[in-house]
Amino acid sequence: MLPALAGVVMTVCGVVAGVAVAYRTLGVGVLVAASALLAVATPVAVRHHRPLARRRLGHYTPEELADLDTEGLVLAVSRMLRRDGWLVLPPSTVQDRPRVRARNGRGHRIEVAFRPVAEPLPDEDAPARSGRRTGTPLRLVVHRGTFSHRDVQWARRQGDIHLIDGPRLRSWAHGTPLHRLTDAS
């Protein structure tokens, strides 16, 4: 971060010094031209970098979500968790399926699995467990499509699994905090 800041400071100082020298040699026309260039370049630069900055902060449009592959969706979910105050651990892969793990300041943990279209849910044949245990991470299954009734019943039997389908994912990407979509803290 410090080298980037030093680079920005040096660039700004160089531009100001260049304009000052040009003003002394060529007059007021340089100031007018520099102001006009700045007035045109600033909105163009802001518009160009706005989507990138918005995505880095964890906000996505429905079109951007639809264009993401699995790795992109993992990155998007990681950014949305960070936006909601979670400390995201480096993504891992379990049985060729990416997973995101995170924890928050209150000691809650979360594990996110990603379901590609038309595949069974992870751990679908696992035995049913009763309720949430202390220390057990909340588990999310993220899917851009919709879950079937069978998927919803399976998640209910598990007790600590929340399904984030397409509409919920779009709402979360738009800025709704995760705790409003689930009862997670």
Protein backbone atom coordinates (compact mmCIF):
# COMPACT_ATOMS: atom_id res chain seq x y z
CA MET A 1 0.00 0.00 0.00
CA LEU A 2 2.80 2.41 0.87
CA PRO A 3 4.57 2.07 -2.52
CA ALA A 4 1.26 2.74 -4.29
CA LEU A 5 0.67 5.84 -2.17
CA ALA A 6 4.20 7.06 -2.89
CA GLY A 7 3.59 6.51 -6.60
CA VAL A 8 0.35 8.50 -6.51
CA VAL A 9 2.00 11.35 -4.58
CA MET A 10 4.93 11.47 -7.02
CA THR A 11 2.57 11.45 -10.01
CA VAL A 12 0.42 14.27 -8.63
CA CYS A 13 3.50 16.33 -7.73
CA GLY A 14 4.95 15.75 -11.21
CA VAL A 15 1.73 16.85 -12.91
CA VAL A 16 1.48 19.99 -10.74
CA ALA A 17 5.13 20.84 -11.41
CA GLY A 18 4.64 20.30 -15.15
CA VAL A 19 1.57 22.56 -15.22
CA ALA A 20 3.46 25.22 -13.22
CA VAL A 21 6.40 25.18 -15.65
CA ALA A 22 4.06 25.25 -18.66
CA TYR A 23 2.12 28.17 -17.12
CA ARG A 24 5.31 30.18 -16.64
CA THR A 25 6.46 29.59 -20.20
CA LEU A 26 3.15 29.56 -22.15
CA GLY A 27 0.71 31.54 -19.97
CA VAL A 28 -2.93 31.19 -18.90
CA GLY A 29 -3.92 29.01 -21.87
CA VAL A 30 -2.11 26.06 -20.27
CA LEU A 31 -4.21 26.36 -17.10
CA VAL A 32 -7.43 26.46 -19.12
CA ALA A 33 -6.36 23.45 -21.22
CA ALA A 34 -5.25 21.49 -18.13
CA SER A 35 -8.55 22.24 -16.37
CA ALA A 36 -10.55 21.15 -19.42
CA LEU A 37 -8.51 17.94 -19.72
CA LEU A 38 -9.04 17.21 -16.03
CA ALA A 39 -12.78 17.89 -16.34
CA VAL A 40 -13.05 15.36 -19.18
CA ALA A 41 -10.61 12.73 -17.90
CA THR A 42 -11.97 12.46 -14.34
CA PRO A 43 -15.51 11.27 -15.21
CA VAL A 44 -14.12 8.88 -17.83
CA ALA A 45 -11.68 7.37 -15.32
CA VAL A 46 -14.36 7.10 -12.63
CA ARG A 47 -16.83 5.42 -15.01
CA HIS A 48 -14.14 3.03 -16.22
CA HIS A 49 -13.13 1.90 -12.72
CA ARG A 50 -16.55 2.02 -11.03
CA PRO A 51 -17.63 -1.59 -11.83
CA LEU A 52 -14.26 -2.97 -10.76
CA ALA A 53 -14.30 -1.01 -7.49
CA ARG A 54 -17.93 -1.99 -6.87
CA ARG A 55 -17.11 -5.69 -7.36
CA ARG A 56 -14.05 -5.44 -5.09
CA LEU A 57 -16.36 -4.10 -2.38
CA GLY A 58 -18.66 -7.11 -2.82
CA HIS A 59 -21.49 -5.64 -4.90
CA TYR A 60 -22.48 -7.40 -8.13
CA THR A 61 -25.22 -6.91 -10.71
CA PRO A 62 -27.38 -9.88 -11.76
CA GLU A 63 -25.69 -9.84 -15.17
CA GLU A 64 -22.24 -10.01 -13.59
CA LEU A 65 -23.31 -12.95 -11.42
CA ALA A 66 -24.68 -14.79 -14.44
CA ASP A 67 -21.37 -14.38 -16.29
CA LEU A 68 -19.24 -15.85 -13.47
CA ASP A 69 -17.75 -19.31 -13.65
CA THR A 70 -17.31 -21.36 -10.46
CA GLU A 71 -13.99 -19.72 -9.55
CA GLY A 72 -15.50 -16.29 -10.13
CA LEU A 73 -18.47 -17.19 -7.94
CA VAL A 74 -16.08 -18.30 -5.18
CA LEU A 75 -14.32 -14.93 -5.41
CA ALA A 76 -17.65 -13.05 -5.42
CA VAL A 77 -18.92 -14.92 -2.34
CA SER A 78 -15.61 -14.27 -0.56
CA ARG A 79 -15.93 -10.55 -1.29
CA MET A 80 -19.57 -10.47 -0.16
CA LEU A 81 -18.63 -12.22 3.10
CA ARG A 82 -15.85 -9.66 3.69
CA ARG A 83 -18.35 -6.87 3.00
CA ASP A 84 -20.61 -8.35 5.69
CA GLY A 85 -17.79 -8.36 8.27
CA TRP A 86 -16.51 -11.94 7.97
CA LEU A 87 -12.80 -12.80 7.96
CA VAL A 88 -12.45 -15.05 4.92
CA LEU A 89 -9.86 -17.80 4.96
CA PRO A 90 -8.14 -18.85 1.71
CA PRO A 91 -10.49 -20.97 -0.44
CA SER A 92 -9.96 -24.72 -0.35
CA THR A 93 -11.05 -27.58 -2.57
CA VAL A 94 -12.74 -30.69 -1.17
CA GLN A 95 -13.34 -33.52 -3.66
CA ASP A 96 -12.87 -31.13 -6.61
CA ARG A 97 -15.47 -28.74 -5.18
CA PRO A 98 -14.38 -25.28 -4.05
CA ARG A 99 -15.24 -24.22 -0.51
CA VAL A 100 -14.98 -20.91 1.30
CA ARG A 101 -14.55 -20.78 5.05
CA ALA A 102 -14.89 -17.65 7.19
CA ARG A 103 -15.37 -16.49 10.76
CA ASN A 104 -16.60 -13.29 12.33
CA GLY A 105 -15.62 -11.30 15.41
CA ARG A 106 -18.18 -13.09 17.58
CA GLY A 107 -16.58 -16.47 17.00
CA HIS A 108 -19.15 -17.76 14.52
CA ARG A 109 -17.83 -19.84 11.66
CA ILE A 110 -19.29 -20.39 8.22
CA GLU A 111 -18.50 -22.82 5.42
CA VAL A 112 -19.76 -22.22 1.89
CA ALA A 113 -20.11 -24.94 -0.74
CA PHE A 114 -20.99 -24.26 -4.36
CA ARG A 115 -23.45 -26.31 -6.34
CA PRO A 116 -23.08 -26.30 -10.09
CA VAL A 117 -26.27 -26.62 -12.11
CA ALA A 118 -27.95 -30.05 -12.11
CA GLU A 119 -25.64 -31.71 -9.59
CA PRO A 120 -26.63 -33.27 -6.28
CA LEU A 121 -26.05 -31.30 -3.11
CA PRO A 122 -22.77 -31.93 -1.30
CA ASP A 123 -22.99 -34.63 1.39
CA GLU A 124 -26.52 -35.43 0.24
CA ASP A 125 -26.47 -38.91 1.74
CA ALA A 126 -25.14 -37.79 5.13
CA PRO A 127 -27.20 -38.93 8.11
CA ALA A 128 -29.65 -36.41 9.52
CA ARG A 129 -28.40 -34.40 12.50
CA SER A 130 -30.50 -32.71 15.09
CA GLY A 131 -30.15 -28.93 15.29
CA ARG A 132 -27.05 -26.76 15.41
CA ARG A 133 -24.30 -27.71 17.79
CA THR A 134 -21.98 -25.24 19.44
CA GLY A 135 -18.76 -24.93 17.52
CA THR A 136 -20.28 -26.36 14.36
CA PRO A 137 -19.93 -23.93 11.47
CA LEU A 138 -23.01 -22.68 9.71
CA ARG A 139 -23.02 -24.17 6.24
CA LEU A 140 -24.27 -22.45 3.11
CA VAL A 141 -24.84 -24.04 -0.26
CA VAL A 142 -24.74 -21.44 -3.02
CA HIS A 143 -26.44 -22.12 -6.36
CA ARG A 144 -27.28 -19.62 -9.09
CA GLY A 145 -30.42 -21.53 -10.06
CA THR A 146 -33.28 -22.70 -7.86
CA PHE A 147 -33.29 -25.59 -5.41
CA SER A 148 -35.82 -28.38 -5.74
CA HIS A 149 -38.26 -29.29 -2.98
CA ARG A 150 -36.10 -32.35 -2.28
CA ASP A 151 -33.06 -30.07 -1.78
CA VAL A 152 -34.96 -27.88 0.67
CA GLN A 153 -36.13 -30.93 2.65
CA TRP A 154 -32.56 -32.25 2.77
CA ALA A 155 -31.28 -28.92 4.12
CA ARG A 156 -34.01 -28.85 6.79
CA ARG A 157 -33.05 -32.34 7.94
CA GLN A 158 -29.43 -31.26 8.29
CA GLY A 159 -30.38 -28.36 10.57
CA ASP A 160 -27.29 -26.19 10.07
CA ILE A 161 -27.43 -25.78 6.29
CA HIS A 162 -28.87 -22.76 4.52
CA LEU A 163 -29.55 -22.74 0.81
CA ILE A 164 -28.71 -19.57 -1.12
CA ASP A 165 -30.47 -19.86 -4.47
CA GLY A 166 -30.46 -17.47 -7.43
CA PRO A 167 -32.87 -14.82 -6.04
CA ARG A 168 -31.19 -14.82 -2.61
CA LEU A 169 -27.75 -14.70 -4.22
CA ARG A 170 -28.76 -11.70 -6.33
CA SER A 171 -30.18 -9.97 -3.24
CA TRP A 172 -26.97 -10.68 -1.30
CA ALA A 173 -24.85 -9.44 -4.22
CA HIS A 174 -26.94 -6.26 -4.39
CA GLY A 175 -26.03 -5.44 -0.77
CA THR A 176 -28.46 -7.24 1.54
CA PRO A 177 -26.45 -8.54 4.53
CA LEU A 178 -26.15 -12.30 4.87
CA HIS A 179 -27.81 -12.33 8.30
CA ARG A 180 -31.01 -11.01 6.69
CA LEU A 181 -31.04 -13.87 4.19
CA THR A 182 -30.40 -16.49 6.88
CA ASP A 183 -30.46 -16.42 10.64
CA ALA A 184 -26.64 -16.34 10.60
CA SER A 185 -24.88 -13.65 12.58
